[in-house]
C-alpha atoms as a PDB file:
ATOM      1  CA  UNK A   1     132.240 144.524  62.627  1.00  0.00           C
ATOM      2  CA  UNK A   2     130.376 141.942  60.569  1.00  0.00           C
ATOM      3  CA  UNK A   3     128.236 143.596  57.916  1.00  0.00           C
ATOM      4  CA  UNK A   4     124.816 142.528  56.683  1.00  0.00           C
ATOM      5  CA  UNK A   5     123.179 142.478  53.275  1.00  0.00           C
ATOM      6  CA  UNK A   6     119.782 143.992  52.612  1.00  0.00           C
ATOM      7  CA  UNK A   7     117.559 140.939  52.958  1.00  0.00           C
ATOM      8  CA  UNK A   8     113.891 140.512  53.808  1.00  0.00           C
ATOM      9  CA  UNK A   9     111.881 137.833  55.581  1.00  0.00           C
ATOM     10  CA  UNK A  10     109.670 137.242  52.533  1.00  0.00           C
ATOM     11  CA  UNK A  11     112.700 136.082  50.519  1.00  0.00           C
ATOM     12  CA  UNK A  12     114.561 134.279  53.306  1.00  0.00           C
ATOM     13  CA  UNK A  13     114.634 130.476  53.297  1.00  0.00           C
ATOM     14  CA  UNK A  14     117.284 129.924  55.969  1.00  0.00           C
ATOM     15  CA  UNK A  15     121.060 129.525  56.125  1.00  0.00           C
ATOM     16  CA  UNK A  16     123.921 127.282  57.137  1.00  0.00           C
ATOM     17  CA  UNK A  17     125.407 127.856  60.585  1.00  0.00           C
ATOM     18  CA  UNK A  18     128.708 126.539  61.897  1.00  0.00           C
ATOM     19  CA  UNK A  19     128.191 123.947  64.630  1.00  0.00           C
ATOM     20  CA  UNK A  20     131.766 122.715  65.066  1.00  0.00           C
ATOM     21  CA  UNK A  21     135.346 123.496  63.986  1.00  0.00           C
ATOM     22  CA  UNK A  22     138.091 120.885  64.449  1.00  0.00           C
ATOM     23  CA  UNK A  23     141.773 120.952  63.472  1.00  0.00           C
ATOM     24  CA  UNK A  24     142.688 117.763  61.614  1.00  0.00           C
ATOM     25  CA  UNK A  25     145.894 117.113  59.656  1.00  0.00           C
ATOM     26  CA  UNK A  26     146.777 120.789  59.954  1.00  0.00           C
ATOM     27  CA  UNK A  27     143.481 121.812  58.379  1.00  0.00           C
ATOM     28  CA  UNK A  28     140.291 123.151  59.846  1.00  0.00           C
ATOM     29  CA  UNK A  29     137.291 120.895  59.367  1.00  0.00           C
ATOM     30  CA  UNK A  30     134.064 122.875  59.591  1.00  0.00           C
ATOM     31  CA  UNK A  31     130.720 121.255  60.326  1.00  0.00           C
ATOM     32  CA  UNK A  32     127.629 123.164  59.262  1.00  0.00           C
ATOM     33  CA  UNK A  33     123.918 122.687  59.786  1.00  0.00           C
ATOM     34  CA  UNK A  34     121.080 124.159  57.765  1.00  0.00           C
ATOM     35  CA  UNK A  35     118.592 126.174  59.821  1.00  0.00           C
ATOM     36  CA  UNK A  36     115.490 126.991  57.828  1.00  0.00           C
ATOM     37  CA  UNK A  37     113.332 130.041  58.397  1.00  0.00           C
ATOM     38  CA  UNK A  38     110.872 129.071  61.115  1.00  0.00           C
ATOM     39  CA  UNK A  39     109.295 132.472  61.764  1.00  0.00           C
ATOM     40  CA  UNK A  40     106.332 133.616  59.695  1.00  0.00           C
ATOM     41  CA  UNK A  41     105.595 137.282  60.265  1.00  0.00           C
ATOM     42  CA  UNK A  42     102.345 138.288  58.608  1.00  0.00           C
ATOM     43  CA  UNK A  43     102.448 141.903  59.732  1.00  0.00           C
ATOM     44  CA  UNK A  44     100.240 144.239  57.692  1.00  0.00           C
ATOM     45  CA  UNK A  45     101.000 147.719  59.026  1.00  0.00           C
ATOM     46  CA  UNK A  46     104.629 148.048  57.883  1.00  0.00           C
ATOM     47  CA  UNK A  47     105.214 149.944  61.133  1.00  0.00           C
ATOM     48  CA  UNK A  48     107.263 148.813  64.124  1.00  0.00           C
ATOM     49  CA  UNK A  49     108.633 150.109  67.391  1.00  0.00           C
ATOM     50  CA  UNK A  50     111.953 148.828  68.701  1.00  0.00           C
ATOM     51  CA  UNK A  51     112.037 149.249  72.466  1.00  0.00           C
ATOM     52  CA  UNK A  52     115.551 149.781  73.749  1.00  0.00           C
ATOM     53  CA  UNK A  53     116.623 149.964  77.360  1.00  0.00           C
ATOM     54  CA  UNK A  54     117.901 153.520  77.562  1.00  0.00           C
ATOM     55  CA  UNK A  55     116.783 155.356  80.684  1.00  0.00           C
ATOM     56  CA  UNK A  56     114.741 157.846  78.665  1.00  0.00           C
ATOM     57  CA  UNK A  57     112.008 155.248  78.110  1.00  0.00           C
ATOM     58  CA  UNK A  58     111.255 155.312  81.835  1.00  0.00           C
ATOM     59  CA  UNK A  59     109.637 158.680  81.105  1.00  0.00           C
ATOM     60  CA  UNK A  60     107.279 157.092  78.560  1.00  0.00           C
ATOM     61  CA  UNK A  61     104.397 154.676  79.079  1.00  0.00           C
ATOM     62  CA  UNK A  62     105.596 151.653  77.094  1.00  0.00           C
ATOM     63  CA  UNK A  63     102.185 150.044  77.514  1.00  0.00           C
ATOM     64  CA  UNK A  64     100.793 152.652  75.126  1.00  0.00           C
ATOM     65  CA  UNK A  65     102.921 151.020  72.417  1.00  0.00           C
ATOM     66  CA  UNK A  66     102.393 147.414  73.468  1.00  0.00           C
ATOM     67  CA  UNK A  67      98.605 147.855  73.650  1.00  0.00           C
ATOM     68  CA  UNK A  68      98.359 149.904  70.477  1.00  0.00           C
ATOM     69  CA  UNK A  69      95.215 148.880  68.585  1.00  0.00           C
ATOM     70  CA  UNK A  70      96.185 150.385  65.253  1.00  0.00           C
ATOM     71  CA  UNK A  71      92.840 151.456  63.870  1.00  0.00           C
ATOM     72  CA  UNK A  72      90.485 149.411  61.714  1.00  0.00           C
ATOM     73  CA  UNK A  73      91.757 145.814  61.333  1.00  0.00           C
ATOM     74  CA  UNK A  74      95.025 146.877  62.972  1.00  0.00           C
ATOM     75  CA  UNK A  75      96.350 148.418  59.755  1.00  0.00           C
ATOM     76  CA  UNK A  76      98.411 150.941  61.747  1.00  0.00           C
ATOM     77  CA  UNK A  77      99.354 148.678  64.649  1.00  0.00           C
ATOM     78  CA  UNK A  78     102.986 148.812  65.758  1.00  0.00           C
ATOM     79  CA  UNK A  79     104.778 145.491  65.967  1.00  0.00           C
ATOM     80  CA  UNK A  80     107.220 145.562  68.855  1.00  0.00           C
ATOM     81  CA  UNK A  81     110.781 144.328  69.183  1.00  0.00           C
ATOM     82  CA  UNK A  82     112.478 144.302  72.589  1.00  0.00           C
ATOM     83  CA  UNK A  83     115.941 143.847  74.015  1.00  0.00           C
ATOM     84  CA  UNK A  84     117.297 141.571  76.740  1.00  0.00           C
ATOM     85  CA  UNK A  85     115.866 142.327  80.205  1.00  0.00           C
ATOM     86  CA  UNK A  86     112.839 144.139  78.799  1.00  0.00           C
ATOM     87  CA  UNK A  87     111.010 140.816  79.165  1.00  0.00           C
ATOM     88  CA  UNK A  88     111.111 141.244  82.957  1.00  0.00           C
ATOM     89  CA  UNK A  89     108.651 144.145  82.715  1.00  0.00           C
ATOM     90  CA  UNK A  90     106.988 143.922  79.308  1.00  0.00           C
ATOM     91  CA  UNK A  91     106.082 141.450  76.571  1.00  0.00           C
ATOM     92  CA  UNK A  92     107.025 142.631  73.075  1.00  0.00           C
ATOM     93  CA  UNK A  93     106.071 140.698  69.939  1.00  0.00           C
ATOM     94  CA  UNK A  94     109.709 139.673  69.540  1.00  0.00           C
ATOM     95  CA  UNK A  95     112.641 139.675  71.970  1.00  0.00           C
ATOM     96  CA  UNK A  96     116.368 139.669  71.189  1.00  0.00           C
ATOM     97  CA  UNK A  97     118.865 138.405  73.759  1.00  0.00           C
ATOM     98  CA  UNK A  98     122.634 138.764  73.621  1.00  0.00           C
ATOM     99  CA  UNK A  99     125.564 138.394  75.977  1.00  0.00           C
ATOM    100  CA  UNK A 100     127.371 135.595  77.764  1.00  0.00           C
ATOM    101  CA  UNK A 101     125.799 132.167  77.782  1.00  0.00           C
ATOM    102  CA  UNK A 102     125.842 132.047  81.588  1.00  0.00           C
ATOM    103  CA  UNK A 103     124.296 135.496  81.971  1.00  0.00           C
ATOM    104  CA  UNK A 104     121.351 137.196  80.307  1.00  0.00           C
ATOM    105  CA  UNK A 105     120.932 134.449  77.720  1.00  0.00           C
ATOM    106  CA  UNK A 106     120.715 131.721  80.362  1.00  0.00           C
ATOM    107  CA  UNK A 107     118.309 133.820  82.426  1.00  0.00           C
ATOM    108  CA  UNK A 108     115.845 134.098  79.547  1.00  0.00           C
ATOM    109  CA  UNK A 109     116.312 130.469  78.512  1.00  0.00           C
ATOM    110  CA  UNK A 110     115.597 129.248  82.063  1.00  0.00           C
ATOM    111  CA  UNK A 111     112.717 131.645  82.722  1.00  0.00           C
ATOM    112  CA  UNK A 112     110.127 129.809  80.637  1.00  0.00           C
ATOM    113  CA  UNK A 113     109.580 132.939  78.537  1.00  0.00           C
ATOM    114  CA  UNK A 114     110.839 131.206  75.377  1.00  0.00           C
ATOM    115  CA  UNK A 115     108.157 128.540  75.682  1.00  0.00           C
ATOM    116  CA  UNK A 116     105.403 130.960  74.660  1.00  0.00           C
ATOM    117  CA  UNK A 117     107.250 133.805  72.898  1.00  0.00           C
ATOM    118  CA  UNK A 118     109.584 134.252  69.934  1.00  0.00           C
ATOM    119  CA  UNK A 119     113.069 135.044  71.210  1.00  0.00           C
ATOM    120  CA  UNK A 120     116.048 135.556  68.909  1.00  0.00           C
ATOM    121  CA  UNK A 121     119.672 134.792  69.769  1.00  0.00           C
ATOM    122  CA  UNK A 122     123.046 134.129  68.123  1.00  0.00           C
ATOM    123  CA  UNK A 123     123.803 130.702  66.641  1.00  0.00           C
ATOM    124  CA  UNK A 124     126.003 129.478  69.554  1.00  0.00           C
ATOM    125  CA  UNK A 125     123.196 130.162  72.046  1.00  0.00           C
ATOM    126  CA  UNK A 126     120.743 128.240  69.897  1.00  0.00           C
ATOM    127  CA  UNK A 127     123.090 125.283  69.989  1.00  0.00           C
ATOM    128  CA  UNK A 128     123.618 125.547  73.755  1.00  0.00           C
ATOM    129  CA  UNK A 129     119.913 125.962  74.537  1.00  0.00           C
ATOM    130  CA  UNK A 130     117.986 123.644  72.193  1.00  0.00           C
ATOM    131  CA  UNK A 131     114.391 124.567  71.353  1.00  0.00           C
ATOM    132  CA  UNK A 132     114.611 127.929  73.095  1.00  0.00           C
ATOM    133  CA  UNK A 133     115.757 130.507  70.564  1.00  0.00           C
ATOM    134  CA  UNK A 134     115.338 131.457  66.915  1.00  0.00           C
ATOM    135  CA  UNK A 135     118.297 132.313  64.702  1.00  0.00           C
ATOM    136  CA  UNK A 136     118.986 135.938  63.823  1.00  0.00           C
ATOM    137  CA  UNK A 137     119.305 135.910  60.006  1.00  0.00           C
ATOM    138  CA  UNK A 138     122.892 136.529  58.852  1.00  0.00           C
ATOM    139  CA  UNK A 139     123.890 136.227  62.537  1.00  0.00           C
ATOM    140  CA  UNK A 140     126.038 139.396  62.680  1.00  0.00           C
ATOM    141  CA  UNK A 141     126.747 139.130  66.419  1.00  0.00           C
ATOM    142  CA  UNK A 142     125.895 142.712  67.350  1.00  0.00           C
ATOM    143  CA  UNK A 143     124.315 144.264  70.438  1.00  0.00           C
ATOM    144  CA  UNK A 144     120.624 143.628  71.119  1.00  0.00           C
ATOM    145  CA  UNK A 145     119.401 147.115  70.169  1.00  0.00           C
ATOM    146  CA  UNK A 146     121.009 147.008  66.744  1.00  0.00           C
ATOM    147  CA  UNK A 147     119.873 143.435  66.163  1.00  0.00           C
ATOM    148  CA  UNK A 148     116.278 144.249  67.083  1.00  0.00           C
ATOM    149  CA  UNK A 149     116.342 147.230  64.715  1.00  0.00           C
ATOM    150  CA  UNK A 150     117.763 145.088  61.944  1.00  0.00           C
ATOM    151  CA  UNK A 151     115.082 142.422  62.476  1.00  0.00           C
ATOM    152  CA  UNK A 152     112.346 145.052  62.225  1.00  0.00           C
ATOM    153  CA  UNK A 153     113.745 146.148  58.855  1.00  0.00           C
ATOM    154  CA  UNK A 154     114.285 142.521  57.798  1.00  0.00           C
ATOM    155  CA  UNK A 155     110.594 141.827  58.527  1.00  0.00           C
ATOM    156  CA  UNK A 156     109.622 144.456  55.972  1.00  0.00           C
ATOM    157  CA  UNK A 157     108.646 147.434  58.123  1.00  0.00           C
ATOM    158  CA  UNK A 158     108.987 150.695  56.226  1.00  0.00           C
ATOM    159  CA  UNK A 159     108.694 152.918  59.333  1.00  0.00           C
ATOM    160  CA  UNK A 160     110.566 151.947  62.493  1.00  0.00           C
ATOM    161  CA  UNK A 161     110.360 153.936  65.713  1.00  0.00           C
ATOM    162  CA  UNK A 162     113.325 153.674  68.079  1.00  0.00           C
ATOM    163  CA  UNK A 163     112.301 154.163  71.711  1.00  0.00           C
ATOM    164  CA  UNK A 164     114.881 154.100  74.494  1.00  0.00           C
ATOM    165  CA  UNK A 165     117.854 154.408  72.137  1.00  0.00           C
ATOM    166  CA  UNK A 166     119.811 156.830  74.286  1.00  0.00           C
ATOM    167  CA  UNK A 167     123.376 155.804  73.514  1.00  0.00           C
ATOM    168  CA  UNK A 168     126.154 157.114  75.750  1.00  0.00           C
ATOM    169  CA  UNK A 169     127.120 160.788  75.839  1.00  0.00           C
ATOM    170  CA  UNK A 170     128.670 160.787  79.326  1.00  0.00           C
ATOM    171  CA  UNK A 171     131.840 158.743  79.708  1.00  0.00           C
ATOM    172  CA  UNK A 172     131.332 157.515  83.277  1.00  0.00           C
ATOM    173  CA  UNK A 173     127.603 156.881  83.210  1.00  0.00           C
ATOM    174  CA  UNK A 174     125.783 153.829  81.847  1.00  0.00           C
ATOM    175  CA  UNK A 175     122.457 154.913  80.349  1.00  0.00           C
ATOM    176  CA  UNK A 176     120.923 151.431  80.366  1.00  0.00           C
ATOM    177  CA  UNK A 177     117.927 151.333  82.718  1.00  0.00           C
ATOM    178  CA  UNK A 178     118.865 147.805  83.892  1.00  0.00           C
ATOM    179  CA  UNK A 179     122.507 148.641  84.627  1.00  0.00           C
ATOM    180  CA  UNK A 180     123.699 147.006  87.824  1.00  0.00           C
ATOM    181  CA  UNK A 181     120.883 144.450  87.996  1.00  0.00           C
ATOM    182  CA  UNK A 182     121.440 140.704  87.894  1.00  0.00           C
ATOM    183  CA  UNK A 183     123.116 139.561  84.671  1.00  0.00           C
ATOM    184  CA  UNK A 184     123.203 143.159  83.542  1.00  0.00           C
ATOM    185  CA  UNK A 185     126.598 144.613  84.170  1.00  0.00           C
ATOM    186  CA  UNK A 186     128.330 147.031  84.207  1.00  0.00           C
ATOM    187  CA  UNK A 187     126.935 149.101  87.046  1.00  0.00           C
ATOM    188  CA  UNK A 188     125.499 152.582  86.591  1.00  0.00           C
ATOM    189  CA  UNK A 189     128.650 154.636  87.128  1.00  0.00           C
ATOM    190  CA  UNK A 190     130.985 152.733  84.826  1.00  0.00           C
ATOM    191  CA  UNK A 191     132.797 153.765  81.669  1.00  0.00           C
ATOM    192  CA  UNK A 192     130.855 152.374  78.717  1.00  0.00           C
ATOM    193  CA  UNK A 193     131.744 152.961  75.080  1.00  0.00           C
ATOM    194  CA  UNK A 194     128.960 153.740  72.582  1.00  0.00           C
ATOM    195  CA  UNK A 195     131.173 153.314  69.522  1.00  0.00           C
ATOM    196  CA  UNK A 196     130.132 149.823  68.409  1.00  0.00           C
ATOM    197  CA  UNK A 197     126.429 150.509  68.972  1.00  0.00           C
ATOM    198  CA  UNK A 198     126.587 153.727  66.971  1.00  0.00           C
ATOM    199  CA  UNK A 199     128.544 152.019  64.181  1.00  0.00           C
ATOM    200  CA  UNK A 200     126.139 149.093  63.801  1.00  0.00           C
ATOM    201  CA  UNK A 201     123.078 151.330  63.872  1.00  0.00           C
ATOM    202  CA  UNK A 202     124.546 153.580  61.169  1.00  0.00           C
ATOM    203  CA  UNK A 203     125.218 150.457  59.081  1.00  0.00           C
ATOM    204  CA  UNK A 204     121.535 149.504  59.393  1.00  0.00           C
ATOM    205  CA  UNK A 205     120.405 152.996  58.382  1.00  0.00           C
ATOM    206  CA  UNK A 206     122.640 152.810  55.308  1.00  0.00           C
ATOM    207  CA  UNK A 207     121.715 149.226  54.389  1.00  0.00           C
ATOM    208  CA  UNK A 208     117.953 149.750  54.650  1.00  0.00           C
ATOM    209  CA  UNK A 209     118.007 153.201  53.099  1.00  0.00           C
ATOM    210  CA  UNK A 210     114.331 153.051  52.067  1.00  0.00           C
ATOM    211  CA  UNK A 211     113.157 152.693  55.690  1.00  0.00           C
ATOM    212  CA  UNK A 212     112.003 155.719  57.686  1.00  0.00           C
ATOM    213  CA  UNK A 213     113.816 155.375  61.028  1.00  0.00           C
ATOM    214  CA  UNK A 214     112.401 157.598  63.770  1.00  0.00           C
ATOM    215  CA  UNK A 215     114.296 158.072  67.028  1.00  0.00           C
ATOM    216  CA  UNK A 216     111.892 158.931  69.853  1.00  0.00           C
ATOM    217  CA  UNK A 217     113.347 161.029  72.664  1.00  0.00           C
ATOM    218  CA  UNK A 218     111.994 163.272  75.462  1.00  0.00           C
ATOM    219  CA  UNK A 219     112.453 166.260  73.118  1.00  0.00           C
ATOM    220  CA  UNK A 220     113.310 166.474  69.430  1.00  0.00           C
ATOM    221  CA  UNK A 221     116.423 168.424  70.432  1.00  0.00           C
ATOM    222  CA  UNK A 222     117.920 165.633  72.570  1.00  0.00           C
ATOM    223  CA  UNK A 223     121.552 164.833  71.826  1.00  0.00           C
ATOM    224  CA  UNK A 224     122.107 162.566  68.826  1.00  0.00           C
ATOM    225  CA  UNK A 225     125.314 160.640  68.001  1.00  0.00           C
ATOM    226  CA  UNK A 226     127.322 162.658  65.501  1.00  0.00           C
ATOM    227  CA  UNK A 227     127.552 159.897  62.875  1.00  0.00           C
ATOM    228  CA  UNK A 228     123.765 159.433  62.861  1.00  0.00           C
ATOM    229  CA  UNK A 229     123.206 163.046  61.835  1.00  0.00           C
ATOM    230  CA  UNK A 230     124.367 162.141  58.319  1.00  0.00           C
ATOM    231  CA  UNK A 231     121.730 159.427  57.862  1.00  0.00           C
ATOM    232  CA  UNK A 232     119.176 160.811  55.404  1.00  0.00           C
ATOM    233  CA  UNK A 233     116.518 158.300  56.520  1.00  0.00           C
ATOM    234  CA  UNK A 234     116.759 159.009  60.270  1.00  0.00           C
ATOM    235  CA  UNK A 235     114.775 161.719  62.033  1.00  0.00           C
ATOM    236  CA  UNK A 236     114.175 162.536  65.673  1.00  0.00           C
ATOM    237  CA  UNK A 237     110.882 163.391  67.341  1.00  0.00           C
ATOM    238  CA  UNK A 238     109.655 164.043  70.867  1.00  0.00           C
ATOM    239  CA  UNK A 239     107.474 161.773  72.984  1.00  0.00           C
ATOM    240  CA  UNK A 240     104.529 164.081  72.311  1.00  0.00           C
ATOM    241  CA  UNK A 241     105.114 163.952  68.551  1.00  0.00           C
ATOM    242  CA  UNK A 242     105.357 160.175  68.727  1.00  0.00           C
ATOM    243  CA  UNK A 243     101.960 159.936  70.427  1.00  0.00           C
ATOM    244  CA  UNK A 244     100.384 162.090  67.723  1.00  0.00           C
ATOM    245  CA  UNK A 245     102.172 160.541  64.741  1.00  0.00           C
ATOM    246  CA  UNK A 246     101.587 156.921  65.757  1.00  0.00           C
ATOM    247  CA  UNK A 247      98.101 157.661  67.122  1.00  0.00           C
ATOM    248  CA  UNK A 248      98.836 156.117  70.532  1.00  0.00           C
END
């Protein structure tokens, strides 16, 4: 697993990305290109909601988050970060796409969604789909849920709600609400490992230790991955508590 450093948008100028690697005279010749920071996020609330695609979010009205006014001058408004196929049903402030270049990534690139929205992707996808995607800083190559969470912390949010972050607690059942749909394999009843997702999320909790991460589930007693229980800056609340706490 590639690890990240604790960086923030306000201090980020950009970075070099590898565009080509060629073997010449028994040595690797690496070509790099500088990609400057092209996203200015002037959020003022320091609060965000990362919308994952776990099936639990089907029980919650996501529009309550997306249409959140946030009080006077929007000082409590939740910025939203979404994952992959969420764009089919909703429009978050920022979208993260991952996967094979001929699958989910190509679907979003060809949909026209990128023309009017900020969509993040890994460096190879940016190269393969010019003028469509924005680079994920540090480009760790993780899953979309972890990347979206990281971006919310990177943008300076001090409280980050995690909605639809179910994980996998049943070996032969895929908890993703888009499982089995086009460009969204595997199917529902397929063995899916949660290990990498849990590992990357725990790394984010540890790296951004000053952030209050709040996992939103149907009840506050919903199952939580064992490794997450040791994160001092992660707590779990119910849908009802989320509505009250975030003033939805």
